[in-house]
């Protein structure tokens, strides 16, 4: 499976670079979009559990966030600990490139789902 990213496909002797997101990458980025300015590791885990109904470990999300930042798909800012919050937090946000990849993923899914709902219901 690709992880954050770039898969090189060979077509008829030519090389075409195609970027795509893995499922967890897509879900984490979507959680970040939903959370807006308040997106950080623990909140992303909670969003995945409540909205996507996916159980994920904090560690896997933190590792993925580092990978996404290294790939240029997210940016982060650190805020020091506050008395009310305790721990310092690293807030994250998707880059324009990540948002473009999310749109492409959504478009691909819509195309793939088009016309098969009835088939799945009959199965």
PDB file of N, CA and C in Angstrom:
ATOM      1  N   UNK A   1       0.837  -1.179   0.000  1.00  0.00           N
ATOM      2  CA  UNK A   1       0.000   0.000   0.000  1.00  0.00           C
ATOM      3  C   UNK A   1       0.876   1.234   0.000  1.00  0.00           C
ATOM      4  N   UNK A   2       0.398   2.251  -0.655  1.00  0.00           N
ATOM      5  CA  UNK A   2       1.116   3.517  -0.682  1.00  0.00           C
ATOM      6  C   UNK A   2       0.982   4.175   0.649  1.00  0.00           C
ATOM      7  N   UNK A   3       2.010   4.846   1.019  1.00  0.00           N
ATOM      8  CA  UNK A   3       1.849   5.667   2.172  1.00  0.00           C
ATOM      9  C   UNK A   3       2.262   7.037   1.786  1.00  0.00           C
ATOM     10  N   UNK A   4       1.355   7.906   1.890  1.00  0.00           N
ATOM     11  CA  UNK A   4       1.457   9.298   1.566  1.00  0.00           C
ATOM     12  C   UNK A   4       2.193   9.494   0.335  1.00  0.00           C
ATOM     13  N   UNK A   5       1.932   8.473  -0.347  1.00  0.00           N
ATOM     14  CA  UNK A   5       2.040   8.800  -1.583  1.00  0.00           C
ATOM     15  C   UNK A   5       2.285   8.792  -2.941  1.00  0.00           C
ATOM     16  N   UNK A   6       3.488   8.785  -3.271  1.00  0.00           N
ATOM     17  CA  UNK A   6       3.683   8.888  -4.699  1.00  0.00           C
ATOM     18  C   UNK A   6       3.909   7.495  -5.232  1.00  0.00           C
ATOM     19  N   UNK A   7       3.046   7.096  -6.153  1.00  0.00           N
ATOM     20  CA  UNK A   7       3.212   5.810  -6.796  1.00  0.00           C
ATOM     21  C   UNK A   7       3.613   6.072  -8.221  1.00  0.00           C
ATOM     22  N   UNK A   8       4.642   5.425  -8.653  1.00  0.00           N
ATOM     23  CA  UNK A   8       5.043   5.588 -10.047  1.00  0.00           C
ATOM     24  C   UNK A   8       4.454   4.441 -10.841  1.00  0.00           C
ATOM     25  N   UNK A   9       3.702   4.803 -11.852  1.00  0.00           N
ATOM     26  CA  UNK A   9       3.099   3.792 -12.712  1.00  0.00           C
ATOM     27  C   UNK A   9       3.788   3.839 -14.059  1.00  0.00           C
ATOM     28  N   UNK A  10       3.998   2.692 -14.640  1.00  0.00           N
ATOM     29  CA  UNK A  10       4.580   2.639 -15.979  1.00  0.00           C
ATOM     30  C   UNK A  10       3.460   2.330 -16.960  1.00  0.00           C
ATOM     31  N   UNK A  11       3.378   3.141 -17.998  1.00  0.00           N
ATOM     32  CA  UNK A  11       2.369   2.912 -19.023  1.00  0.00           C
ATOM     33  C   UNK A  11       3.037   3.001 -20.384  1.00  0.00           C
ATOM     34  N   UNK A  12       3.022   1.882 -21.098  1.00  0.00           N
ATOM     35  CA  UNK A  12       3.544   1.826 -22.467  1.00  0.00           C
ATOM     36  C   UNK A  12       4.909   2.493 -22.604  1.00  0.00           C
ATOM     37  N   UNK A  13       5.811   2.122 -21.711  1.00  0.00           N
ATOM     38  CA  UNK A  13       7.173   2.633 -21.816  1.00  0.00           C
ATOM     39  C   UNK A  13       7.379   3.997 -21.218  1.00  0.00           C
ATOM     40  N   UNK A  14       6.309   4.740 -20.959  1.00  0.00           N
ATOM     41  CA  UNK A  14       6.450   6.067 -20.361  1.00  0.00           C
ATOM     42  C   UNK A  14       6.227   5.981 -18.868  1.00  0.00           C
ATOM     43  N   UNK A  15       6.681   6.965 -18.166  1.00  0.00           N
ATOM     44  CA  UNK A  15       6.516   6.961 -16.719  1.00  0.00           C
ATOM     45  C   UNK A  15       5.577   8.097 -16.324  1.00  0.00           C
ATOM     46  N   UNK A  16       4.510   7.738 -15.637  1.00  0.00           N
ATOM     47  CA  UNK A  16       3.538   8.707 -15.181  1.00  0.00           C
ATOM     48  C   UNK A  16       3.533   8.680 -13.666  1.00  0.00           C
ATOM     49  N   UNK A  17       3.678   9.819 -13.043  1.00  0.00           N
ATOM     50  CA  UNK A  17       3.655   9.889 -11.589  1.00  0.00           C
ATOM     51  C   UNK A  17       2.235  10.205 -11.146  1.00  0.00           C
ATOM     52  N   UNK A  18       1.705   9.395 -10.255  1.00  0.00           N
ATOM     53  CA  UNK A  18       0.359   9.609  -9.764  1.00  0.00           C
ATOM     54  C   UNK A  18       0.376   9.592  -8.253  1.00  0.00           C
ATOM     55  N   UNK A  19      -0.125  10.643  -7.656  1.00  0.00           N
ATOM     56  CA  UNK A  19      -0.180  10.742  -6.214  1.00  0.00           C
ATOM     57  C   UNK A  19      -1.543  10.291  -5.738  1.00  0.00           C
ATOM     58  N   UNK A  20      -1.558   9.519  -4.680  1.00  0.00           N
ATOM     59  CA  UNK A  20      -2.828   9.103  -4.105  1.00  0.00           C
ATOM     60  C   UNK A  20      -2.669   8.910  -2.605  1.00  0.00           C
ATOM     61  N   UNK A  21      -3.795   8.876  -1.920  1.00  0.00           N
ATOM     62  CA  UNK A  21      -3.806   8.724  -0.482  1.00  0.00           C
ATOM     63  C   UNK A  21      -4.267   7.334  -0.088  1.00  0.00           C
ATOM     64  N   UNK A  22      -3.685   6.807   0.971  1.00  0.00           N
ATOM     65  CA  UNK A  22      -4.185   5.575   1.565  1.00  0.00           C
ATOM     66  C   UNK A  22      -5.451   5.902   2.361  1.00  0.00           C
ATOM     67  N   UNK A  23      -6.179   4.882   2.762  1.00  0.00           N
ATOM     68  CA  UNK A  23      -7.445   5.104   3.453  1.00  0.00           C
ATOM     69  C   UNK A  23      -7.264   5.868   4.769  1.00  0.00           C
ATOM     70  N   UNK A  24      -6.303   5.467   5.589  1.00  0.00           N
ATOM     71  CA  UNK A  24      -6.114   6.146   6.868  1.00  0.00           C
ATOM     72  C   UNK A  24      -5.629   7.578   6.650  1.00  0.00           C
ATOM     73  N   UNK A  25      -4.772   7.781   5.667  1.00  0.00           N
ATOM     74  CA  UNK A  25      -4.321   9.137   5.344  1.00  0.00           C
ATOM     75  C   UNK A  25      -5.509  10.013   4.982  1.00  0.00           C
ATOM     76  N   UNK A  26      -6.377   9.476   4.153  1.00  0.00           N
ATOM     77  CA  UNK A  26      -7.560  10.218   3.738  1.00  0.00           C
ATOM     78  C   UNK A  26      -8.445  10.548   4.934  1.00  0.00           C
ATOM     79  N   UNK A  27      -8.687   9.570   5.801  1.00  0.00           N
ATOM     80  CA  UNK A  27      -9.538   9.802   6.957  1.00  0.00           C
ATOM     81  C   UNK A  27      -8.930  10.816   7.919  1.00  0.00           C
ATOM     82  N   UNK A  28      -7.624  10.748   8.137  1.00  0.00           N
ATOM     83  CA  UNK A  28      -6.954  11.703   9.032  1.00  0.00           C
ATOM     84  C   UNK A  28      -7.039  13.110   8.457  1.00  0.00           C
ATOM     85  N   UNK A  29      -6.795  13.253   7.166  1.00  0.00           N
ATOM     86  CA  UNK A  29      -6.904  14.571   6.541  1.00  0.00           C
ATOM     87  C   UNK A  29      -8.338  15.095   6.606  1.00  0.00           C
ATOM     88  N   UNK A  30      -9.314  14.232   6.391  1.00  0.00           N
ATOM     89  CA  UNK A  30     -10.709  14.655   6.493  1.00  0.00           C
ATOM     90  C   UNK A  30     -11.044  15.083   7.920  1.00  0.00           C
ATOM     91  N   UNK A  31     -10.536  14.366   8.906  1.00  0.00           N
ATOM     92  CA  UNK A  31     -10.753  14.746  10.309  1.00  0.00           C
ATOM     93  C   UNK A  31     -10.148  16.121  10.573  1.00  0.00           C
ATOM     94  N   UNK A  32      -8.973  16.371  10.000  1.00  0.00           N
ATOM     95  CA  UNK A  32      -8.340  17.678  10.170  1.00  0.00           C
ATOM     96  C   UNK A  32      -9.205  18.779   9.570  1.00  0.00           C
ATOM     97  N   UNK A  33      -9.757  18.538   8.415  1.00  0.00           N
ATOM     98  CA  UNK A  33     -10.626  19.535   7.769  1.00  0.00           C
ATOM     99  C   UNK A  33     -11.848  19.787   8.650  1.00  0.00           C
ATOM    100  N   UNK A  34     -12.441  18.725   9.173  1.00  0.00           N
ATOM    101  CA  UNK A  34     -13.622  18.866  10.025  1.00  0.00           C
ATOM    102  C   UNK A  34     -13.310  19.645  11.295  1.00  0.00           C
ATOM    103  N   UNK A  35     -12.134  19.430  11.863  1.00  0.00           N
ATOM    104  CA  UNK A  35     -11.765  20.077  13.126  1.00  0.00           C
ATOM    105  C   UNK A  35     -11.266  21.509  12.948  1.00  0.00           C
ATOM    106  N   UNK A  36     -10.826  21.843  11.748  1.00  0.00           N
ATOM    107  CA  UNK A  36     -10.344  23.196  11.486  1.00  0.00           C
ATOM    108  C   UNK A  36      -9.112  23.539  12.307  1.00  0.00           C
ATOM    109  N   UNK A  37      -9.119  24.720  12.901  1.00  0.00           N
ATOM    110  CA  UNK A  37      -7.967  25.213  13.659  1.00  0.00           C
ATOM    111  C   UNK A  37      -7.684  24.398  14.919  1.00  0.00           C
ATOM    112  N   UNK A  38      -8.633  23.584  15.356  1.00  0.00           N
ATOM    113  CA  UNK A  38      -8.479  22.807  16.585  1.00  0.00           C
ATOM    114  C   UNK A  38      -7.975  21.392  16.350  1.00  0.00           C
ATOM    115  N   UNK A  39      -7.386  21.132  15.196  1.00  0.00           N
ATOM    116  CA  UNK A  39      -6.929  19.772  14.877  1.00  0.00           C
ATOM    117  C   UNK A  39      -5.566  19.492  15.504  1.00  0.00           C
ATOM    118  N   UNK A  40      -5.523  18.494  16.350  1.00  0.00           N
ATOM    119  CA  UNK A  40      -4.276  17.970  16.895  1.00  0.00           C
ATOM    120  C   UNK A  40      -4.493  16.487  17.150  1.00  0.00           C
ATOM    121  N   UNK A  41      -3.430  15.765  17.442  1.00  0.00           N
ATOM    122  CA  UNK A  41      -3.459  14.312  17.506  1.00  0.00           C
ATOM    123  C   UNK A  41      -4.643  13.681  18.214  1.00  0.00           C
ATOM    124  N   UNK A  42      -4.833  13.988  19.491  1.00  0.00           N
ATOM    125  CA  UNK A  42      -5.905  13.354  20.255  1.00  0.00           C
ATOM    126  C   UNK A  42      -7.282  13.703  19.697  1.00  0.00           C
ATOM    127  N   UNK A  43      -7.498  14.955  19.307  1.00  0.00           N
ATOM    128  CA  UNK A  43      -8.786  15.340  18.727  1.00  0.00           C
ATOM    129  C   UNK A  43      -9.043  14.593  17.420  1.00  0.00           C
ATOM    130  N   UNK A  44      -7.981  14.361  16.623  1.00  0.00           N
ATOM    131  CA  UNK A  44      -8.127  13.614  15.368  1.00  0.00           C
ATOM    132  C   UNK A  44      -8.543  12.180  15.669  1.00  0.00           C
ATOM    133  N   UNK A  45      -7.906  11.557  16.661  1.00  0.00           N
ATOM    134  CA  UNK A  45      -8.268  10.186  17.064  1.00  0.00           C
ATOM    135  C   UNK A  45      -9.735  10.148  17.472  1.00  0.00           C
ATOM    136  N   UNK A  46     -10.163  11.106  18.286  1.00  0.00           N
ATOM    137  CA  UNK A  46     -11.560  11.147  18.737  1.00  0.00           C
ATOM    138  C   UNK A  46     -12.520  11.351  17.564  1.00  0.00           C
ATOM    139  N   UNK A  47     -12.145  12.202  16.619  1.00  0.00           N
ATOM    140  CA  UNK A  47     -12.987  12.442  15.439  1.00  0.00           C
ATOM    141  C   UNK A  47     -13.123  11.174  14.602  1.00  0.00           C
ATOM    142  N   UNK A  48     -12.027  10.441  14.448  1.00  0.00           N
ATOM    143  CA  UNK A  48     -12.073   9.190  13.690  1.00  0.00           C
ATOM    144  C   UNK A  48     -12.974   8.176  14.383  1.00  0.00           C
ATOM    145  N   UNK A  49     -12.912   8.131  15.707  1.00  0.00           N
ATOM    146  CA  UNK A  49     -13.741   7.183  16.450  1.00  0.00           C
ATOM    147  C   UNK A  49     -15.216   7.544  16.371  1.00  0.00           C
ATOM    148  N   UNK A  50     -15.543   8.829  16.524  1.00  0.00           N
ATOM    149  CA  UNK A  50     -16.958   9.209  16.559  1.00  0.00           C
ATOM    150  C   UNK A  50     -17.586   9.343  15.178  1.00  0.00           C
ATOM    151  N   UNK A  51     -16.898   9.988  14.257  1.00  0.00           N
ATOM    152  CA  UNK A  51     -17.507  10.249  12.957  1.00  0.00           C
ATOM    153  C   UNK A  51     -17.299   9.101  11.976  1.00  0.00           C
ATOM    154  N   UNK A  52     -16.060   8.603  11.877  1.00  0.00           N
ATOM    155  CA  UNK A  52     -15.783   7.515  10.930  1.00  0.00           C
ATOM    156  C   UNK A  52     -16.035   6.148  11.558  1.00  0.00           C
ATOM    157  N   UNK A  53     -16.243   6.127  12.872  1.00  0.00           N
ATOM    158  CA  UNK A  53     -16.427   4.867  13.616  1.00  0.00           C
ATOM    159  C   UNK A  53     -15.261   3.912  13.391  1.00  0.00           C
ATOM    160  N   UNK A  54     -14.062   4.499  13.437  1.00  0.00           N
ATOM    161  CA  UNK A  54     -12.824   3.730  13.258  1.00  0.00           C
ATOM    162  C   UNK A  54     -11.996   3.827  14.527  1.00  0.00           C
ATOM    163  N   UNK A  55     -11.623   2.686  15.073  1.00  0.00           N
ATOM    164  CA  UNK A  55     -10.738   2.663  16.238  1.00  0.00           C
ATOM    165  C   UNK A  55      -9.299   2.710  15.726  1.00  0.00           C
ATOM    166  N   UNK A  56      -8.573   3.721  16.131  1.00  0.00           N
ATOM    167  CA  UNK A  56      -7.168   3.852  15.755  1.00  0.00           C
ATOM    168  C   UNK A  56      -6.375   4.222  16.999  1.00  0.00           C
ATOM    169  N   UNK A  57      -5.140   3.783  17.032  1.00  0.00           N
ATOM    170  CA  UNK A  57      -4.305   4.125  18.174  1.00  0.00           C
ATOM    171  C   UNK A  57      -3.739   5.524  17.994  1.00  0.00           C
ATOM    172  N   UNK A  58      -3.485   6.184  19.108  1.00  0.00           N
ATOM    173  CA  UNK A  58      -2.869   7.503  19.049  1.00  0.00           C
ATOM    174  C   UNK A  58      -1.523   7.425  18.355  1.00  0.00           C
ATOM    175  N   UNK A  59      -0.772   6.375  18.684  1.00  0.00           N
ATOM    176  CA  UNK A  59       0.573   6.226  18.113  1.00  0.00           C
ATOM    177  C   UNK A  59       0.520   6.174  16.589  1.00  0.00           C
ATOM    178  N   UNK A  60      -0.438   5.434  16.034  1.00  0.00           N
ATOM    179  CA  UNK A  60      -0.505   5.340  14.572  1.00  0.00           C
ATOM    180  C   UNK A  60      -0.845   6.690  13.958  1.00  0.00           C
ATOM    181  N   UNK A  61      -1.687   7.472  14.621  1.00  0.00           N
ATOM    182  CA  UNK A  61      -2.029   8.795  14.108  1.00  0.00           C
ATOM    183  C   UNK A  61      -0.819   9.721  14.200  1.00  0.00           C
ATOM    184  N   UNK A  62      -0.082   9.679  15.309  1.00  0.00           N
ATOM    185  CA  UNK A  62       1.091  10.544  15.450  1.00  0.00           C
ATOM    186  C   UNK A  62       2.160  10.202  14.415  1.00  0.00           C
ATOM    187  N   UNK A  63       2.375   8.922  14.178  1.00  0.00           N
ATOM    188  CA  UNK A  63       3.344   8.509  13.155  1.00  0.00           C
ATOM    189  C   UNK A  63       2.888   8.996  11.786  1.00  0.00           C
ATOM    190  N   UNK A  64       1.611   8.840  11.496  1.00  0.00           N
ATOM    191  CA  UNK A  64       1.073   9.278  10.215  1.00  0.00           C
ATOM    192  C   UNK A  64       1.178  10.798  10.057  1.00  0.00           C
ATOM    193  N   UNK A  65       0.930  11.543  11.128  1.00  0.00           N
ATOM    194  CA  UNK A  65       1.057  12.995  11.050  1.00  0.00           C
ATOM    195  C   UNK A  65       2.483  13.410  10.707  1.00  0.00           C
ATOM    196  N   UNK A  66       3.463  12.742  11.297  1.00  0.00           N
ATOM    197  CA  UNK A  66       4.867  13.051  10.958  1.00  0.00           C
ATOM    198  C   UNK A  66       5.141  12.752   9.490  1.00  0.00           C
ATOM    199  N   UNK A  67       4.621  11.623   9.012  1.00  0.00           N
ATOM    200  CA  UNK A  67       4.820  11.242   7.615  1.00  0.00           C
ATOM    201  C   UNK A  67       4.154  12.236   6.664  1.00  0.00           C
ATOM    202  N   UNK A  68       2.941  12.651   6.995  1.00  0.00           N
ATOM    203  CA  UNK A  68       2.226  13.617   6.164  1.00  0.00           C
ATOM    204  C   UNK A  68       2.954  14.960   6.125  1.00  0.00           C
ATOM    205  N   UNK A  69       3.517  15.359   7.264  1.00  0.00           N
ATOM    206  CA  UNK A  69       4.243  16.627   7.282  1.00  0.00           C
ATOM    207  C   UNK A  69       5.526  16.522   6.464  1.00  0.00           C
ATOM    208  N   UNK A  70       6.216  15.415   6.596  1.00  0.00           N
ATOM    209  CA  UNK A  70       7.444  15.212   5.815  1.00  0.00           C
ATOM    210  C   UNK A  70       7.143  15.222   4.316  1.00  0.00           C
ATOM    211  N   UNK A  71       5.968  14.712   3.926  1.00  0.00           N
ATOM    212  CA  UNK A  71       5.564  14.676   2.515  1.00  0.00           C
ATOM    213  C   UNK A  71       5.010  16.017   2.037  1.00  0.00           C
ATOM    214  N   UNK A  72       4.906  16.993   2.938  1.00  0.00           N
ATOM    215  CA  UNK A  72       4.399  18.300   2.546  1.00  0.00           C
ATOM    216  C   UNK A  72       2.886  18.378   2.439  1.00  0.00           C
ATOM    217  N   UNK A  73       2.185  17.437   3.065  1.00  0.00           N
ATOM    218  CA  UNK A  73       0.726  17.424   2.984  1.00  0.00           C
ATOM    219  C   UNK A  73       0.063  18.115   4.164  1.00  0.00           C
ATOM    220  N   UNK A  74       0.815  18.360   5.232  1.00  0.00           N
ATOM    221  CA  UNK A  74       0.283  19.115   6.358  1.00  0.00           C
ATOM    222  C   UNK A  74       1.362  20.061   6.883  1.00  0.00           C
ATOM    223  N   UNK A  75       0.920  21.078   7.585  1.00  0.00           N
ATOM    224  CA  UNK A  75       1.831  21.947   8.323  1.00  0.00           C
ATOM    225  C   UNK A  75       1.429  21.860   9.786  1.00  0.00           C
ATOM    226  N   UNK A  76       2.340  22.229  10.671  1.00  0.00           N
ATOM    227  CA  UNK A  76       2.019  22.165  12.092  1.00  0.00           C
ATOM    228  C   UNK A  76       2.569  23.379  12.816  1.00  0.00           C
ATOM    229  N   UNK A  77       1.964  23.620  13.966  1.00  0.00           N
ATOM    230  CA  UNK A  77       2.455  24.655  14.863  1.00  0.00           C
ATOM    231  C   UNK A  77       2.330  24.120  16.284  1.00  0.00           C
ATOM    232  N   UNK A  78       3.315  24.406  17.080  1.00  0.00           N
ATOM    233  CA  UNK A  78       3.302  23.957  18.471  1.00  0.00           C
ATOM    234  C   UNK A  78       2.827  25.080  19.364  1.00  0.00           C
ATOM    235  N   UNK A  79       2.023  24.695  20.353  1.00  0.00           N
ATOM    236  CA  UNK A  79       1.609  25.646  21.359  1.00  0.00           C
ATOM    237  C   UNK A  79       2.035  25.107  22.708  1.00  0.00           C
ATOM    238  N   UNK A  80       2.564  25.976  23.566  1.00  0.00           N
ATOM    239  CA  UNK A  80       3.007  25.513  24.885  1.00  0.00           C
ATOM    240  C   UNK A  80       1.829  25.052  25.728  1.00  0.00           C
ATOM    241  N   UNK A  81       2.153  24.330  26.776  1.00  0.00           N
ATOM    242  CA  UNK A  81       1.117  23.854  27.687  1.00  0.00           C
ATOM    243  C   UNK A  81       0.478  25.035  28.396  1.00  0.00           C
ATOM    244  N   UNK A  82      -0.812  24.956  28.581  1.00  0.00           N
ATOM    245  CA  UNK A  82      -1.545  25.947  29.356  1.00  0.00           C
ATOM    246  C   UNK A  82      -2.006  25.274  30.634  1.00  0.00           C
ATOM    247  N   UNK A  83      -2.233  26.048  31.662  1.00  0.00           N
ATOM    248  CA  UNK A  83      -2.658  25.474  32.934  1.00  0.00           C
ATOM    249  C   UNK A  83      -3.899  24.605  32.775  1.00  0.00           C
ATOM    250  N   UNK A  84      -4.856  25.076  32.005  1.00  0.00           N
ATOM    251  CA  UNK A  84      -6.113  24.335  31.847  1.00  0.00           C
ATOM    252  C   UNK A  84      -5.952  23.080  31.012  1.00  0.00           C
ATOM    253  N   UNK A  85      -4.985  23.083  30.072  1.00  0.00           N
ATOM    254  CA  UNK A  85      -4.849  21.949  29.151  1.00  0.00           C
ATOM    255  C   UNK A  85      -3.798  20.957  29.570  1.00  0.00           C
ATOM    256  N   UNK A  86      -2.762  21.379  30.225  1.00  0.00           N
ATOM    257  CA  UNK A  86      -1.703  20.449  30.604  1.00  0.00           C
ATOM    258  C   UNK A  86      -0.611  20.331  29.572  1.00  0.00           C
ATOM    259  N   UNK A  87      -0.723  19.395  28.677  1.00  0.00           N
ATOM    260  CA  UNK A  87       0.318  19.077  27.694  1.00  0.00           C
ATOM    261  C   UNK A  87       0.430  20.133  26.587  1.00  0.00           C
ATOM    262  N   UNK A  88       1.664  20.338  26.073  1.00  0.00           N
ATOM    263  CA  UNK A  88       1.784  21.173  24.868  1.00  0.00           C
ATOM    264  C   UNK A  88       1.123  20.444  23.702  1.00  0.00           C
ATOM    265  N   UNK A  89       0.648  21.185  22.745  1.00  0.00           N
ATOM    266  CA  UNK A  89      -0.047  20.574  21.605  1.00  0.00           C
ATOM    267  C   UNK A  89       0.576  21.009  20.299  1.00  0.00           C
ATOM    268  N   UNK A  90       0.512  20.073  19.340  1.00  0.00           N
ATOM    269  CA  UNK A  90       0.967  20.360  17.991  1.00  0.00           C
ATOM    270  C   UNK A  90      -0.270  20.383  17.096  1.00  0.00           C
ATOM    271  N   UNK A  91      -0.679  21.569  16.718  1.00  0.00           N
ATOM    272  CA  UNK A  91      -1.856  21.731  15.863  1.00  0.00           C
ATOM    273  C   UNK A  91      -1.439  21.546  14.411  1.00  0.00           C
ATOM    274  N   UNK A  92      -2.291  20.887  13.650  1.00  0.00           N
ATOM    275  CA  UNK A  92      -1.966  20.550  12.263  1.00  0.00           C
ATOM    276  C   UNK A  92      -3.065  21.040  11.332  1.00  0.00           C
ATOM    277  N   UNK A  93      -2.667  21.281  10.091  1.00  0.00           N
ATOM    278  CA  UNK A  93      -3.646  21.656   9.067  1.00  0.00           C
ATOM    279  C   UNK A  93      -3.163  21.138   7.719  1.00  0.00           C
ATOM    280  N   UNK A  94      -4.098  20.749   6.855  1.00  0.00           N
ATOM    281  CA  UNK A  94      -3.717  20.257   5.528  1.00  0.00           C
ATOM    282  C   UNK A  94      -3.243  21.391   4.628  1.00  0.00           C
ATOM    283  N   UNK A  95      -2.313  21.077   3.751  1.00  0.00           N
ATOM    284  CA  UNK A  95      -1.829  22.043   2.766  1.00  0.00           C
ATOM    285  C   UNK A  95      -2.788  22.044   1.571  1.00  0.00           C
ATOM    286  N   UNK A  96      -2.678  23.044   0.709  1.00  0.00           N
ATOM    287  CA  UNK A  96      -3.512  23.047  -0.506  1.00  0.00           C
ATOM    288  C   UNK A  96      -3.330  21.761  -1.328  1.00  0.00           C
ATOM    289  N   UNK A  97      -2.114  21.230  -1.363  1.00  0.00           N
ATOM    290  CA  UNK A  97      -1.869  19.981  -2.094  1.00  0.00           C
ATOM    291  C   UNK A  97      -2.672  18.831  -1.489  1.00  0.00           C
ATOM    292  N   UNK A  98      -2.727  18.759  -0.163  1.00  0.00           N
ATOM    293  CA  UNK A  98      -3.505  17.708   0.501  1.00  0.00           C
ATOM    294  C   UNK A  98      -4.988  17.862   0.190  1.00  0.00           C
ATOM    295  N   UNK A  99      -5.468  19.091   0.186  1.00  0.00           N
ATOM    296  CA  UNK A  99      -6.880  19.322  -0.135  1.00  0.00           C
ATOM    297  C   UNK A  99      -7.193  18.908  -1.567  1.00  0.00           C
ATOM    298  N   UNK A 100      -6.263  19.152  -2.477  1.00  0.00           N
ATOM    299  CA  UNK A 100      -6.451  18.716  -3.868  1.00  0.00           C
ATOM    300  C   UNK A 100      -6.508  17.195  -3.942  1.00  0.00           C
ATOM    301  N   UNK A 101      -5.649  16.519  -3.180  1.00  0.00           N
ATOM    302  CA  UNK A 101      -5.664  15.050  -3.169  1.00  0.00           C
ATOM    303  C   UNK A 101      -6.966  14.516  -2.575  1.00  0.00           C
ATOM    304  N   UNK A 102      -7.496  15.194  -1.565  1.00  0.00           N
ATOM    305  CA  UNK A 102      -8.785  14.785  -1.001  1.00  0.00           C
ATOM    306  C   UNK A 102      -9.894  14.930  -2.028  1.00  0.00           C
ATOM    307  N   UNK A 103      -9.886  16.021  -2.772  1.00  0.00           N
ATOM    308  CA  UNK A 103     -10.903  16.197  -3.821  1.00  0.00           C
ATOM    309  C   UNK A 103     -10.790  15.102  -4.874  1.00  0.00           C
ATOM    310  N   UNK A 104      -9.554  14.781  -5.276  1.00  0.00           N
ATOM    311  CA  UNK A 104      -9.348  13.722  -6.273  1.00  0.00           C
ATOM    312  C   UNK A 104      -9.833  12.376  -5.741  1.00  0.00           C
ATOM    313  N   UNK A 105      -9.557  12.096  -4.468  1.00  0.00           N
ATOM    314  CA  UNK A 105      -9.996  10.826  -3.870  1.00  0.00           C
ATOM    315  C   UNK A 105     -11.518  10.749  -3.847  1.00  0.00           C
ATOM    316  N   UNK A 106     -12.156  11.854  -3.486  1.00  0.00           N
ATOM    317  CA  UNK A 106     -13.617  11.875  -3.459  1.00  0.00           C
ATOM    318  C   UNK A 106     -14.187  11.653  -4.860  1.00  0.00           C
ATOM    319  N   UNK A 107     -13.629  12.336  -5.841  1.00  0.00           N
ATOM    320  CA  UNK A 107     -14.103  12.177  -7.220  1.00  0.00           C
ATOM    321  C   UNK A 107     -13.940  10.741  -7.699  1.00  0.00           C
ATOM    322  N   UNK A 108     -12.814  10.119  -7.367  1.00  0.00           N
ATOM    323  CA  UNK A 108     -12.584   8.728  -7.770  1.00  0.00           C
ATOM    324  C   UNK A 108     -13.593   7.795  -7.111  1.00  0.00           C
ATOM    325  N   UNK A 109     -13.873   8.018  -5.830  1.00  0.00           N
ATOM    326  CA  UNK A 109     -14.850   7.174  -5.132  1.00  0.00           C
ATOM    327  C   UNK A 109     -16.247   7.348  -5.715  1.00  0.00           C
ATOM    328  N   UNK A 110     -16.620   8.577  -6.003  1.00  0.00           N
ATOM    329  CA  UNK A 110     -17.946   8.823  -6.588  1.00  0.00           C
ATOM    330  C   UNK A 110     -18.068   8.101  -7.925  1.00  0.00           C
ATOM    331  N   UNK A 111     -17.021   8.183  -8.749  1.00  0.00           N
ATOM    332  CA  UNK A 111     -17.056   7.483 -10.047  1.00  0.00           C
ATOM    333  C   UNK A 111     -17.167   5.980  -9.855  1.00  0.00           C
ATOM    334  N   UNK A 112     -16.443   5.440  -8.891  1.00  0.00           N
ATOM    335  CA  UNK A 112     -16.474   3.991  -8.666  1.00  0.00           C
ATOM    336  C   UNK A 112     -17.828   3.532  -8.117  1.00  0.00           C
ATOM    337  N   UNK A 113     -18.475   4.346  -7.288  1.00  0.00           N
ATOM    338  CA  UNK A 113     -19.767   3.989  -6.714  1.00  0.00           C
ATOM    339  C   UNK A 113     -20.914   4.193  -7.699  1.00  0.00           C
ATOM    340  N   UNK A 114     -20.701   5.018  -8.702  1.00  0.00           N
ATOM    341  CA  UNK A 114     -21.763   5.335  -9.646  1.00  0.00           C
ATOM    342  C   UNK A 114     -22.303   4.070 -10.316  1.00  0.00           C
ATOM    343  N   UNK A 115     -23.560   3.823 -10.115  1.00  0.00           N
ATOM    344  CA  UNK A 115     -24.218   2.720 -10.793  1.00  0.00           C
ATOM    345  C   UNK A 115     -24.161   1.371 -10.092  1.00  0.00           C
ATOM    346  N   UNK A 116     -23.533   1.262  -8.946  1.00  0.00           N
ATOM    347  CA  UNK A 116     -23.454  -0.064  -8.326  1.00  0.00           C
ATOM    348  C   UNK A 116     -24.276  -0.191  -7.043  1.00  0.00           C
ATOM    349  N   UNK A 117     -24.915   0.881  -6.594  1.00  0.00           N
ATOM    350  CA  UNK A 117     -25.671   0.811  -5.345  1.00  0.00           C
ATOM    351  C   UNK A 117     -26.701  -0.321  -5.398  1.00  0.00           C
ATOM    352  N   UNK A 118     -27.446  -0.419  -6.501  1.00  0.00           N
ATOM    353  CA  UNK A 118     -28.453  -1.470  -6.637  1.00  0.00           C
ATOM    354  C   UNK A 118     -27.845  -2.848  -6.603  1.00  0.00           C
ATOM    355  N   UNK A 119     -26.690  -3.012  -7.220  1.00  0.00           N
ATOM    356  CA  UNK A 119     -26.010  -4.316  -7.223  1.00  0.00           C
ATOM    357  C   UNK A 119     -25.660  -4.728  -5.802  1.00  0.00           C
ATOM    358  N   UNK A 120     -25.152  -3.801  -5.019  1.00  0.00           N
ATOM    359  CA  UNK A 120     -24.783  -4.116  -3.647  1.00  0.00           C
ATOM    360  C   UNK A 120     -26.004  -4.438  -2.792  1.00  0.00           C
ATOM    361  N   UNK A 121     -27.096  -3.739  -3.026  1.00  0.00           N
ATOM    362  CA  UNK A 121     -28.306  -3.990  -2.261  1.00  0.00           C
ATOM    363  C   UNK A 121     -28.893  -5.369  -2.563  1.00  0.00           C
ATOM    364  N   UNK A 122     -28.735  -5.862  -3.793  1.00  0.00           N
ATOM    365  CA  UNK A 122     -29.273  -7.169  -4.174  1.00  0.00           C
ATOM    366  C   UNK A 122     -28.372  -8.312  -3.710  1.00  0.00           C
ATOM    367  N   UNK A 123     -27.157  -8.024  -3.362  1.00  0.00           N
ATOM    368  CA  UNK A 123     -26.223  -9.087  -2.973  1.00  0.00           C
ATOM    369  C   UNK A 123     -26.483  -9.598  -1.582  1.00  0.00           C
TER     370      UNK A 123
END
